[in-house]
């Protein structure tokens, strides 16, 4: 079902439902009292949370789970299914242009949350959330911060007193109001409030049996995330719940009518996400692909907020140049260790923080200490929507110098060395260990500064990795000039010798096609060690 995240709706309408009920088993068997689960948007977080609600809620229709794996686990079904009061809090709409409006939206959601237990409040003879009003829209004025800050605790305690059983707490999109607050400039207020809200509502609250909190990022500042003891954070590197979000190839084969050719193209377009070592396919794109009669298109990406992502990356473009150009032009992976998955808006963002955020949000994926662009859908998005922003940053800083240099009759080796070294010094690069590293980076730099500016310049990449030669050809029609770059990586600074790289270009004879056509030919040998370069130029 597109547009619905309600588990019960899937079951009642007999819609295709990929069985993820092992998520319920893993949640029950976990020793953690509070689970924080992080996945990109549209990765079935809300549906799985709705499934937990349907499973635990007192009086639930157990037949809803008939035919699913968990239904065969008689012990779990008898002991847990339909046996708990559930507090379900959805924070996706808790956003406002001001902090006061945000608090008002939270109060509305707390009242809706309490309204799910209207009968219990009636029988208790109390109505602290005004849920027994004929219309919930009435009395929506926000109470003071103390009452609102205690509301999660109060609901759980009220239900615990009424039912005589601990409560299951389910919170969806916990980070949405915090991200909105950061965007609009009142993050510190929001972080302080929600740290207290979650701490009072969950930390040391004996009325709570277990809690499951869903979000995209683990937001860190003083008191967050959640400020709780016994909090289990389950992110992209965690084995627990690794196969509970997203579809595996076997699940697609079992639930959809697909051919071998379908599978191969699905892998190309939508596969490639890793969680705890398990590889999964983006579920949103698969469902839309199926609903659109197997039409391959960008579905998940259409839900992106390009402007917001661009703002987030703003100011960090030069820092990310090397990793991005490497991923786009080399097409493989970038090695980096992401040891922490937390995001702290109040700290300076280093490359590891940026990469972590992009993995958490689904624009990159991470496995075995390497980040990758997961699939064609996402790579196309990077090229069309985000690469121009990076190209603009490069062009603003280096464009005029590079353009002036290549328009001269002769290449100035000192100026070229200074420019190329400067670009390396301003980017974060940790794995400059091969010719390919430098090759793809400078392909990106030259294309950003030259291709978009002049129609009479072409830049081509010449890779002969097996023969230890990575080259860049820059051809200008006015003046008629060809610059052929060859890169040679060495293992120490004292081994830098651009003449070796220059000799390799000559041995490959990649310039013969331009001879006799009126072009001046400039061969540029580049010897590379970490962020130190040595250049030699020979004009034919």
Protein backbone atom coordinates (compact mmCIF):
# COMPACT_ATOMS: atom_id res chain seq x y z
CA UNK A 1 0.00 0.00 0.00
CA UNK A 2 1.43 3.37 -1.01
CA UNK A 3 0.69 6.18 1.40
CA UNK A 4 -0.16 3.96 4.37
CA UNK A 5 2.10 2.80 7.19
CA UNK A 6 -0.67 1.10 9.20
CA UNK A 7 0.00 -2.60 9.69
CA UNK A 8 -3.67 -3.35 10.31
CA UNK A 9 -4.61 -1.76 6.99
CA UNK A 10 -2.19 -4.01 5.12
CA UNK A 11 -3.72 -7.09 6.72
CA UNK A 12 -7.37 -6.08 6.34
CA UNK A 13 -6.97 -5.21 2.65
CA UNK A 14 -4.91 -8.34 1.96
CA UNK A 15 -2.20 -6.17 0.39
CA UNK A 16 1.29 -7.47 -0.33
CA UNK A 17 3.07 -7.54 3.01
CA UNK A 18 6.69 -8.63 3.27
CA UNK A 19 6.81 -10.56 6.53
CA UNK A 20 8.99 -8.70 9.02
CA UNK A 21 7.44 -10.14 12.16
CA UNK A 22 10.86 -11.41 13.26
CA UNK A 23 11.30 -7.75 14.27
CA UNK A 24 8.73 -8.35 17.03
CA UNK A 25 10.66 -11.39 18.25
CA UNK A 26 13.97 -9.52 18.25
CA UNK A 27 12.40 -6.62 20.13
CA UNK A 28 10.95 -8.89 22.82
CA UNK A 29 14.15 -10.90 23.20
CA UNK A 30 16.38 -7.82 23.48
CA UNK A 31 17.71 -7.15 26.97
CA UNK A 32 17.54 -3.39 26.41
CA UNK A 33 14.59 -1.63 27.97
CA UNK A 34 14.75 1.19 25.44
CA UNK A 35 15.60 0.68 21.77
CA UNK A 36 16.59 3.57 19.50
CA UNK A 37 16.45 2.36 15.89
CA UNK A 38 17.88 4.52 13.11
CA UNK A 39 17.12 4.05 9.43
CA UNK A 40 16.74 6.37 6.40
CA UNK A 41 13.28 7.71 5.60
CA UNK A 42 10.85 5.41 3.78
CA UNK A 43 12.55 2.30 5.14
CA UNK A 44 9.41 0.92 6.87
CA UNK A 45 10.13 2.38 10.31
CA UNK A 46 6.55 3.57 10.77
CA UNK A 47 5.08 0.32 9.45
CA UNK A 48 7.20 -1.78 11.81
CA UNK A 49 6.27 0.47 14.73
CA UNK A 50 2.60 0.13 13.78
CA UNK A 51 3.10 -3.63 13.71
CA UNK A 52 4.43 -3.52 17.29
CA UNK A 53 1.40 -1.48 18.32
CA UNK A 54 -0.99 -3.99 16.75
CA UNK A 55 0.84 -6.89 18.36
CA UNK A 56 1.02 -5.63 21.95
CA UNK A 57 -2.20 -3.63 22.34
CA UNK A 58 -4.65 -5.10 24.81
CA UNK A 59 -7.52 -6.87 23.08
CA UNK A 60 -5.87 -6.97 19.64
CA UNK A 61 -7.22 -9.37 17.04
CA UNK A 62 -4.59 -12.10 17.01
CA UNK A 63 -5.84 -13.47 13.72
CA UNK A 64 -4.29 -10.39 12.12
CA UNK A 65 -0.98 -12.25 12.42
CA UNK A 66 -2.23 -15.51 10.97
CA UNK A 67 -0.01 -16.67 8.14
CA UNK A 68 2.99 -14.68 9.39
CA UNK A 69 6.09 -16.21 10.97
CA UNK A 70 5.39 -14.99 14.47
CA UNK A 71 2.00 -16.71 14.51
CA UNK A 72 3.86 -20.02 14.63
CA UNK A 73 5.64 -18.96 17.82
CA UNK A 74 2.85 -20.04 20.16
CA UNK A 75 4.73 -19.12 23.33
CA UNK A 76 5.30 -15.53 22.26
CA UNK A 77 1.78 -15.15 20.92
CA UNK A 78 0.23 -16.40 24.19
CA UNK A 79 2.50 -14.41 26.48
CA UNK A 80 2.76 -11.05 24.66
CA UNK A 81 0.19 -10.61 21.91
CA UNK A 82 -2.70 -8.39 23.04
CA UNK A 83 -1.39 -8.20 26.59
CA UNK A 84 -0.09 -4.65 27.09
CA UNK A 85 -1.33 -1.08 27.21
CA UNK A 86 0.48 0.80 24.45
CA UNK A 87 1.40 4.48 24.21
CA UNK A 88 1.99 5.37 20.57
CA UNK A 89 3.41 8.84 19.96
CA UNK A 90 3.96 10.09 16.41
CA UNK A 91 6.10 13.23 16.22
CA UNK A 92 6.24 13.73 12.45
CA UNK A 93 3.88 16.73 12.68
CA UNK A 94 5.50 18.28 15.75
CA UNK A 95 7.04 21.12 13.79
CA UNK A 96 6.36 24.83 13.92
CA UNK A 97 7.81 28.10 12.71
CA UNK A 98 8.50 29.06 16.33
CA UNK A 99 9.30 27.13 19.50
CA UNK A 100 5.91 28.08 20.94
CA UNK A 101 4.08 26.65 17.91
CA UNK A 102 6.20 23.49 18.13
CA UNK A 103 5.14 23.01 21.75
CA UNK A 104 1.50 23.48 20.75
CA UNK A 105 1.84 20.75 18.12
CA UNK A 106 3.40 18.45 20.72
CA UNK A 107 0.48 19.05 23.07
CA UNK A 108 -1.93 18.15 20.26
CA UNK A 109 -0.07 14.88 19.72
CA UNK A 110 0.00 14.09 23.42
CA UNK A 111 -3.78 14.58 23.53
CA UNK A 112 -4.24 12.30 20.51
CA UNK A 113 -2.00 9.78 22.21
CA UNK A 114 -4.13 9.91 25.37
CA UNK A 115 -7.32 9.79 23.28
CA UNK A 116 -6.45 6.23 22.25
CA UNK A 117 -7.25 5.37 25.89
CA UNK A 118 -10.36 7.53 26.21
CA UNK A 119 -12.41 4.73 27.80
CA UNK A 120 -9.77 4.17 30.46
CA UNK A 121 -9.73 7.86 31.37
CA UNK A 122 -13.51 7.93 31.55
CA UNK A 123 -13.55 5.00 33.93
CA UNK A 124 -10.75 6.54 36.00
CA UNK A 125 -12.90 9.67 36.34
CA UNK A 126 -10.05 11.94 35.27
CA UNK A 127 -9.36 13.81 32.06
CA UNK A 128 -6.01 15.63 32.25
CA UNK A 129 -5.66 15.75 28.47
CA UNK A 130 -9.26 16.80 27.77
CA UNK A 131 -9.70 13.67 25.64
CA UNK A 132 -13.30 13.22 26.72
CA UNK A 133 -14.32 16.42 24.94
CA UNK A 134 -16.64 15.81 22.03
CA UNK A 135 -14.05 17.24 19.67
CA UNK A 136 -10.33 16.97 20.32
CA UNK A 137 -9.80 20.26 18.48
CA UNK A 138 -11.14 22.09 21.50
CA UNK A 139 -8.93 23.25 24.33
CA UNK A 140 -5.74 23.04 22.30
CA UNK A 141 -4.05 25.92 24.08
CA UNK A 142 -0.68 24.73 25.31
CA UNK A 143 -0.17 24.16 29.06
CA UNK A 144 2.95 25.33 30.82
CA UNK A 145 6.27 23.58 30.15
CA UNK A 146 6.17 21.63 33.40
CA UNK A 147 2.83 19.96 32.55
CA UNK A 148 3.83 19.31 28.94
CA UNK A 149 7.26 18.03 29.97
CA UNK A 150 5.63 15.52 32.35
CA UNK A 151 2.90 14.41 29.94
CA UNK A 152 4.64 11.26 28.68
CA UNK A 153 5.31 10.14 32.22
CA UNK A 154 1.74 10.94 33.25
CA UNK A 155 0.16 8.91 30.45
CA UNK A 156 2.31 5.85 31.17
CA UNK A 157 1.68 6.11 34.91
CA UNK A 158 -2.09 6.56 34.43
CA UNK A 159 -2.31 3.46 32.21
CA UNK A 160 -0.11 1.44 34.54
CA UNK A 161 -2.40 2.32 37.44
CA UNK A 162 -5.53 1.49 35.47
CA UNK A 163 -4.46 -1.79 33.84
CA UNK A 164 -2.08 -2.99 36.51
CA UNK A 165 0.47 -3.76 33.82
CA UNK A 166 3.60 -2.03 32.56
CA UNK A 167 3.24 -0.02 29.37
CA UNK A 168 4.87 -0.43 25.94
CA UNK A 169 5.97 2.99 24.63
CA UNK A 170 6.39 3.51 20.87
CA UNK A 171 7.69 6.82 19.51
CA UNK A 172 7.97 7.57 15.80
CA UNK A 173 10.17 10.25 14.21
CA UNK A 174 11.62 11.39 17.52
CA UNK A 175 14.20 13.55 15.69
CA UNK A 176 11.75 15.47 13.46
CA UNK A 177 10.99 18.30 15.94
CA UNK A 178 14.70 18.57 16.78
CA UNK A 179 15.74 18.81 13.14
CA UNK A 180 13.06 21.41 12.54
CA UNK A 181 14.27 23.38 15.55
CA UNK A 182 17.84 23.30 14.21
CA UNK A 183 16.68 24.52 10.82
CA UNK A 184 14.76 27.45 12.34
CA UNK A 185 17.23 28.45 15.02
CA UNK A 186 15.78 27.24 18.34
CA UNK A 187 17.59 23.90 18.62
CA UNK A 188 19.08 24.52 22.07
CA UNK A 189 15.62 25.13 23.56
CA UNK A 190 14.23 22.03 21.88
CA UNK A 191 17.16 19.83 22.89
CA UNK A 192 16.92 20.91 26.53
CA UNK A 193 13.16 20.33 26.64
CA UNK A 194 13.15 16.92 24.94
CA UNK A 195 16.06 15.67 27.04
CA UNK A 196 13.91 16.32 30.11
CA UNK A 197 10.73 15.03 28.38
CA UNK A 198 12.28 11.65 27.53
CA UNK A 199 14.25 11.37 30.73
CA UNK A 200 11.18 11.87 32.92
CA UNK A 201 8.95 9.78 30.70
CA UNK A 202 11.25 6.80 30.27
CA UNK A 203 14.33 6.90 32.52
CA UNK A 204 13.65 5.04 35.74
CA UNK A 205 9.92 4.97 34.96
CA UNK A 206 8.71 1.72 36.47
CA UNK A 207 5.45 2.05 34.58
CA UNK A 208 7.29 1.30 31.31
CA UNK A 209 7.94 -2.30 30.26
CA UNK A 210 9.85 -1.51 27.05
CA UNK A 211 10.17 1.37 24.62
CA UNK A 212 10.98 1.54 20.91
CA UNK A 213 12.01 4.89 19.44
CA UNK A 214 12.39 5.37 15.68
CA UNK A 215 14.29 8.06 13.84
CA UNK A 216 16.87 8.78 11.17
CA UNK A 217 19.79 10.22 13.14
CA UNK A 218 21.14 9.85 16.65
CA UNK A 219 21.14 13.47 17.71
CA UNK A 220 23.73 14.26 20.34
CA UNK A 221 24.04 17.17 22.69
CA UNK A 222 23.85 17.48 26.44
CA UNK A 223 21.11 15.12 27.58
CA UNK A 224 20.41 13.64 24.16
CA UNK A 225 19.71 11.19 22.74
CA UNK A 226 17.03 10.76 25.28
CA UNK A 227 19.43 10.98 28.23
CA UNK A 228 18.59 7.46 29.29
CA UNK A 229 20.19 4.50 30.95
CA UNK A 230 20.06 1.12 29.23
CA UNK A 231 19.55 2.73 25.83
CA UNK A 232 20.41 0.50 22.90
CA UNK A 233 21.29 2.48 19.75
CA UNK A 234 20.78 0.44 16.60
CA UNK A 235 22.28 2.12 13.57
CA UNK A 236 23.76 1.12 10.19
CA UNK A 237 26.65 -0.79 11.78
CA UNK A 238 24.55 -2.76 14.31
CA UNK A 239 23.78 -6.45 13.74
CA UNK A 240 20.53 -6.35 15.73
CA UNK A 241 17.47 -5.66 13.52
CA UNK A 242 19.76 -5.66 10.44
CA UNK A 243 17.27 -7.49 8.21
CA UNK A 244 14.09 -5.95 9.67
CA UNK A 245 14.10 -2.83 7.48
CA UNK A 246 14.33 -2.99 3.70
CA UNK A 247 13.77 -6.00 1.45
CA UNK A 248 16.21 -8.78 0.67
CA UNK A 249 16.44 -10.32 -2.79
CA UNK A 250 14.85 -13.53 -1.46
CA UNK A 251 11.92 -11.55 -0.02
CA UNK A 252 11.34 -9.82 -3.34
CA UNK A 253 11.35 -13.15 -5.19
CA UNK A 254 8.88 -14.60 -2.66
CA UNK A 255 6.42 -11.68 -2.68
CA UNK A 256 6.55 -10.22 -6.21
CA UNK A 257 6.34 -11.78 -9.64
CA UNK A 258 9.81 -11.03 -10.98
CA UNK A 259 12.07 -12.40 -13.69
CA UNK A 260 15.84 -12.85 -13.48
CA UNK A 261 16.19 -9.73 -15.61
CA UNK A 262 13.94 -7.81 -13.18
CA UNK A 263 16.18 -8.85 -10.30
CA UNK A 264 19.36 -7.72 -12.02
CA UNK A 265 17.91 -4.32 -12.86
CA UNK A 266 16.41 -3.95 -9.36
CA UNK A 267 19.87 -4.54 -7.92
CA UNK A 268 21.31 -1.88 -10.19
CA UNK A 269 18.61 0.70 -9.44
CA UNK A 270 17.62 0.18 -5.79
CA UNK A 271 19.92 -2.32 -4.04
CA UNK A 272 23.12 -1.69 -2.12
CA UNK A 273 22.11 -0.56 1.37
CA UNK A 274 23.97 -2.22 4.25
CA UNK A 275 22.76 -2.57 7.82
CA UNK A 276 24.92 -4.62 10.15
CA UNK A 277 26.41 -6.49 7.20
CA UNK A 278 23.05 -7.39 5.62
CA UNK A 279 22.43 -5.98 2.16
CA UNK A 280 18.89 -4.79 1.46
CA UNK A 281 16.91 -3.03 -1.25
CA UNK A 282 15.10 0.25 -0.70
CA UNK A 283 11.49 -0.82 0.07
CA UNK A 284 9.83 2.45 -1.00
CA UNK A 285 11.30 2.26 -4.48
CA UNK A 286 10.36 -1.40 -4.87
CA UNK A 287 6.73 -0.82 -3.89
CA UNK A 288 6.45 2.12 -6.28
CA UNK A 289 8.23 0.19 -9.04
CA UNK A 290 5.65 -2.58 -8.65
CA UNK A 291 2.73 -0.16 -8.47
CA UNK A 292 3.95 1.55 -11.67
CA UNK A 293 4.00 -1.70 -13.63
CA UNK A 294 7.71 -2.31 -13.18
CA UNK A 295 8.75 1.07 -14.52
CA UNK A 296 12.31 1.87 -13.45
CA UNK A 297 12.40 5.41 -12.14
CA UNK A 298 13.63 7.45 -9.19
CA UNK A 299 10.97 6.96 -6.51
CA UNK A 300 12.71 7.25 -3.14
CA UNK A 301 14.74 10.20 -4.37
CA UNK A 302 11.52 12.04 -5.31
CA UNK A 303 10.78 12.29 -1.58
CA UNK A 304 14.11 14.09 -0.95
CA UNK A 305 14.30 17.64 0.29
CA UNK A 306 17.05 18.76 -2.07
CA UNK A 307 17.11 22.33 -0.79
CA UNK A 308 17.51 21.22 2.83
CA UNK A 309 20.30 18.77 1.98
CA UNK A 310 22.04 21.43 -0.08
CA UNK A 311 21.89 23.82 2.89
CA UNK A 312 23.32 21.16 5.16
CA UNK A 313 26.24 20.55 2.80
CA UNK A 314 26.74 24.27 2.25
CA UNK A 315 30.19 25.37 3.38
CA UNK A 316 31.46 21.78 3.47
CA UNK A 317 31.79 21.31 -0.29
CA UNK A 318 35.56 21.73 -0.51
CA UNK A 319 36.02 19.44 2.48
CA UNK A 320 34.08 16.72 0.66
CA UNK A 321 35.51 17.21 -2.83
CA UNK A 322 37.90 14.29 -2.87
CA UNK A 323 35.50 11.65 -1.46
CA UNK A 324 32.68 12.81 -3.72
CA UNK A 325 34.74 12.98 -6.91
CA UNK A 326 36.25 9.60 -6.07
CA UNK A 327 32.82 8.01 -5.62
CA UNK A 328 31.36 9.62 -8.75
CA UNK A 329 34.26 9.23 -11.16
CA UNK A 330 35.94 6.08 -9.86
CA UNK A 331 32.59 4.47 -9.10
CA UNK A 332 33.66 2.17 -6.29
CA UNK A 333 34.10 2.96 -2.60
CA UNK A 334 35.87 5.40 -0.31
CA UNK A 335 37.65 3.98 2.71
CA UNK A 336 36.90 5.70 6.01
CA UNK A 337 36.19 4.49 9.53
CA UNK A 338 32.87 5.67 10.94
CA UNK A 339 33.19 4.58 14.55
CA UNK A 340 30.37 6.73 15.92
CA UNK A 341 26.92 7.24 14.47
CA UNK A 342 25.96 10.30 16.50
CA UNK A 343 25.21 13.71 15.00
CA UNK A 344 25.91 16.83 17.07
CA UNK A 345 24.70 20.06 15.53
CA UNK A 346 26.66 22.12 18.04
CA UNK A 347 30.08 20.75 17.07
CA UNK A 348 32.26 21.54 14.08
CA UNK A 349 31.57 19.02 11.35
CA UNK A 350 34.56 16.98 10.22
CA UNK A 351 34.49 14.67 7.23
CA UNK A 352 33.55 11.69 9.42
CA UNK A 353 30.52 13.58 10.77
CA UNK A 354 29.36 14.55 7.29
CA UNK A 355 29.78 11.01 5.99
CA UNK A 356 27.92 9.60 9.00
CA UNK A 357 25.00 11.94 8.39
CA UNK A 358 24.85 11.03 4.68
CA UNK A 359 24.88 7.31 5.55
CA UNK A 360 22.16 7.74 8.18
CA UNK A 361 19.98 9.63 5.71
CA UNK A 362 20.49 7.09 2.90
CA UNK A 363 22.55 9.14 0.43
CA UNK A 364 25.53 6.87 1.06
CA UNK A 365 25.86 3.41 2.56
CA UNK A 366 28.60 1.92 4.74
CA UNK A 367 30.09 -1.55 4.99
CA UNK A 368 33.51 -2.93 5.93
CA UNK A 369 34.94 0.55 6.62
CA UNK A 370 33.96 1.83 3.19
CA UNK A 371 31.26 4.23 2.04
CA UNK A 372 29.56 3.81 -1.31
CA UNK A 373 26.82 5.40 -3.32
CA UNK A 374 24.33 2.54 -2.97
CA UNK A 375 22.72 2.38 -6.41
CA UNK A 376 21.86 4.06 -9.70
CA UNK A 377 18.85 5.93 -8.29
CA UNK A 378 20.98 7.69 -5.67
CA UNK A 379 24.01 8.18 -7.93
CA UNK A 380 21.86 9.92 -10.54
CA UNK A 381 20.58 12.20 -7.80
CA UNK A 382 24.11 13.12 -6.74
CA UNK A 383 25.06 13.93 -10.32
CA UNK A 384 21.98 15.95 -11.23
CA UNK A 385 21.09 17.76 -8.01
CA UNK A 386 24.16 17.91 -5.76
CA UNK A 387 27.22 17.79 -8.02
CA UNK A 388 26.45 21.27 -9.47
CA UNK A 389 26.64 22.71 -5.95
CA UNK A 390 30.09 21.16 -5.47
CA UNK A 391 31.21 22.27 -8.93
CA UNK A 392 30.14 25.82 -8.12
CA UNK A 393 32.19 25.81 -4.90
CA UNK A 394 35.28 24.58 -6.78
CA UNK A 395 34.78 27.07 -9.58
CA UNK A 396 34.33 29.96 -7.17
CA UNK A 397 37.64 29.18 -5.48
CA UNK A 398 39.80 27.94 -8.35
CA UNK A 399 37.93 28.61 -11.58
CA UNK A 400 39.54 31.86 -12.69
CA UNK A 401 43.09 30.66 -11.89
CA UNK A 402 42.62 27.39 -13.77
CA UNK A 403 40.90 29.03 -16.73
CA UNK A 404 43.63 31.67 -17.07
CA UNK A 405 46.32 29.01 -16.83
CA UNK A 406 44.97 26.82 -19.62
CA UNK A 407 44.25 29.77 -21.89
CA UNK A 408 47.92 30.69 -21.97
CA UNK A 409 50.10 29.44 -24.82
CA UNK A 410 52.42 27.66 -22.41
CA UNK A 411 51.58 25.88 -19.18
CA UNK A 412 53.43 27.36 -16.20
CA UNK A 413 54.63 24.34 -14.21
CA UNK A 414 54.96 26.30 -10.95
CA UNK A 415 51.48 27.84 -11.18
CA UNK A 416 49.92 24.48 -12.10
CA UNK A 417 51.73 22.76 -9.21
CA UNK A 418 50.55 25.43 -6.76
CA UNK A 419 46.91 25.19 -7.91
CA UNK A 420 46.78 21.39 -7.85
CA UNK A 421 48.46 21.24 -4.44
CA UNK A 422 46.11 23.91 -3.06
CA UNK A 423 43.02 21.94 -4.10
CA UNK A 424 44.36 18.85 -2.34
CA UNK A 425 45.18 20.77 0.82
CA UNK A 426 41.60 22.05 1.12
CA UNK A 427 39.88 18.67 0.88
CA UNK A 428 39.70 15.79 3.35
CA UNK A 429 41.52 12.82 1.88
CA UNK A 430 42.85 9.86 3.84
CA UNK A 431 43.40 7.15 1.22
CA UNK A 432 45.62 8.83 -1.36
CA UNK A 433 47.45 5.58 -2.01
CA UNK A 434 47.13 5.03 -5.76
CA UNK A 435 47.06 6.84 -9.09
CA UNK A 436 43.29 6.39 -9.24
CA UNK A 437 42.87 8.56 -6.14
CA UNK A 438 44.53 11.58 -7.72
CA UNK A 439 43.14 10.90 -11.17
CA UNK A 440 39.47 10.98 -10.18
CA UNK A 441 39.96 14.00 -7.92
CA UNK A 442 41.53 16.13 -10.61
CA UNK A 443 39.04 14.94 -13.23
CA UNK A 444 36.39 16.46 -10.98
CA UNK A 445 38.32 19.69 -10.37
CA UNK A 446 39.09 20.31 -14.05
CA UNK A 447 35.56 19.46 -15.16
CA UNK A 448 34.10 21.83 -12.55
CA UNK A 449 36.32 24.73 -13.61
CA UNK A 450 36.50 24.21 -17.38
CA UNK A 451 33.66 22.10 -18.78
CA UNK A 452 30.85 24.31 -17.55
CA UNK A 453 32.58 27.51 -18.64
CA UNK A 454 33.69 26.84 -22.19
CA UNK A 455 31.93 24.82 -24.89
CA UNK A 456 35.19 24.55 -26.83
CA UNK A 457 36.94 22.51 -24.12
CA UNK A 458 36.54 18.74 -23.71
CA UNK A 459 37.86 16.70 -20.82
CA UNK A 460 38.21 12.95 -21.06
CA UNK A 461 39.43 10.34 -18.64
CA UNK A 462 41.87 7.71 -19.78
CA UNK A 463 42.21 4.84 -17.30
CA UNK A 464 44.57 1.94 -17.86
CA UNK A 465 44.79 0.68 -14.32
CA UNK A 466 46.14 -2.74 -15.23
CA UNK A 467 49.02 -1.04 -16.99
CA UNK A 468 49.61 1.41 -14.13
CA UNK A 469 48.51 4.47 -16.06
CA UNK A 470 45.74 6.91 -15.17
CA UNK A 471 45.43 9.92 -17.44
CA UNK A 472 43.38 13.04 -18.13
CA UNK A 473 43.12 14.62 -21.56
CA UNK A 474 42.09 18.29 -21.81
CA UNK A 475 41.50 19.47 -25.37
CA UNK A 476 41.02 23.16 -26.17
CA UNK A 477 39.87 24.38 -29.57
CA UNK A 478 40.74 28.07 -28.95
CA UNK A 479 43.71 28.03 -28.72
CA UNK A 480 44.27 24.59 -30.25
CA UNK A 481 45.95 22.87 -27.36
CA UNK A 482 45.96 19.42 -25.80
CA UNK A 483 47.13 18.78 -22.22
CA UNK A 484 47.69 15.14 -21.32
CA UNK A 485 48.15 14.35 -17.61
CA UNK A 486 49.68 11.14 -16.30
CA UNK A 487 49.80 10.27 -12.58
CA UNK A 488 52.34 8.15 -10.73
CA UNK A 489 52.03 7.45 -7.01
CA UNK A 490 55.16 6.87 -4.93
CA UNK A 491 55.68 5.64 -1.37
CA UNK A 492 57.71 8.48 0.12
CA UNK A 493 58.35 12.15 -0.51
CA UNK A 494 61.96 11.53 -1.48
CA UNK A 495 60.77 9.22 -4.27
CA UNK A 496 58.87 12.00 -6.03
CA UNK A 497 60.02 12.07 -9.65
CA UNK A 498 57.66 13.57 -12.24
CA UNK A 499 59.98 12.50 -15.06
CA UNK A 500 58.87 8.88 -14.46
CA UNK A 501 55.23 9.86 -14.97
CA UNK A 502 56.20 11.91 -18.01
CA UNK A 503 58.07 8.98 -19.53
CA UNK A 504 55.03 6.73 -19.03
CA UNK A 505 52.88 9.12 -21.05
CA UNK A 506 55.43 9.04 -23.86
CA UNK A 507 55.60 5.26 -23.80
CA UNK A 508 51.81 5.00 -24.09
CA UNK A 509 51.90 7.42 -27.04
CA UNK A 510 48.40 8.66 -26.19
CA UNK A 511 49.17 11.95 -27.91
CA UNK A 512 49.78 10.60 -31.44
CA UNK A 513 46.18 11.13 -32.50
CA UNK A 514 46.62 14.91 -32.10
CA UNK A 515 49.85 15.23 -34.06
CA UNK A 516 49.58 16.88 -37.45
CA UNK A 517 46.25 18.51 -36.63
CA UNK A 518 47.62 21.87 -35.55
CA UNK A 519 47.43 21.27 -31.79
CA UNK A 520 50.19 22.21 -29.41
CA UNK A 521 50.66 19.17 -27.19
CA UNK A 522 51.61 19.49 -23.53
CA UNK A 523 52.47 16.35 -21.54
CA UNK A 524 52.15 16.75 -17.77
CA UNK A 525 53.79 14.15 -15.54
CA UNK A 526 52.47 14.23 -11.96
CA UNK A 527 54.32 12.40 -9.21
CA UNK A 528 52.19 12.05 -6.07
CA UNK A 529 52.80 11.30 -2.41
CA UNK A 530 49.96 12.06 0.01
CA UNK A 531 49.21 15.77 -0.52
CA UNK A 532 52.59 16.59 -2.05
CA UNK A 533 52.92 16.81 -5.82
CA UNK A 534 55.84 17.22 -8.20
CA UNK A 535 55.14 18.14 -11.85
CA UNK A 536 57.10 18.13 -15.06
CA UNK A 537 55.83 19.47 -18.40
CA UNK A 538 57.07 18.64 -21.87
CA UNK A 539 55.75 20.48 -24.92
CA UNK A 540 55.86 18.62 -28.23
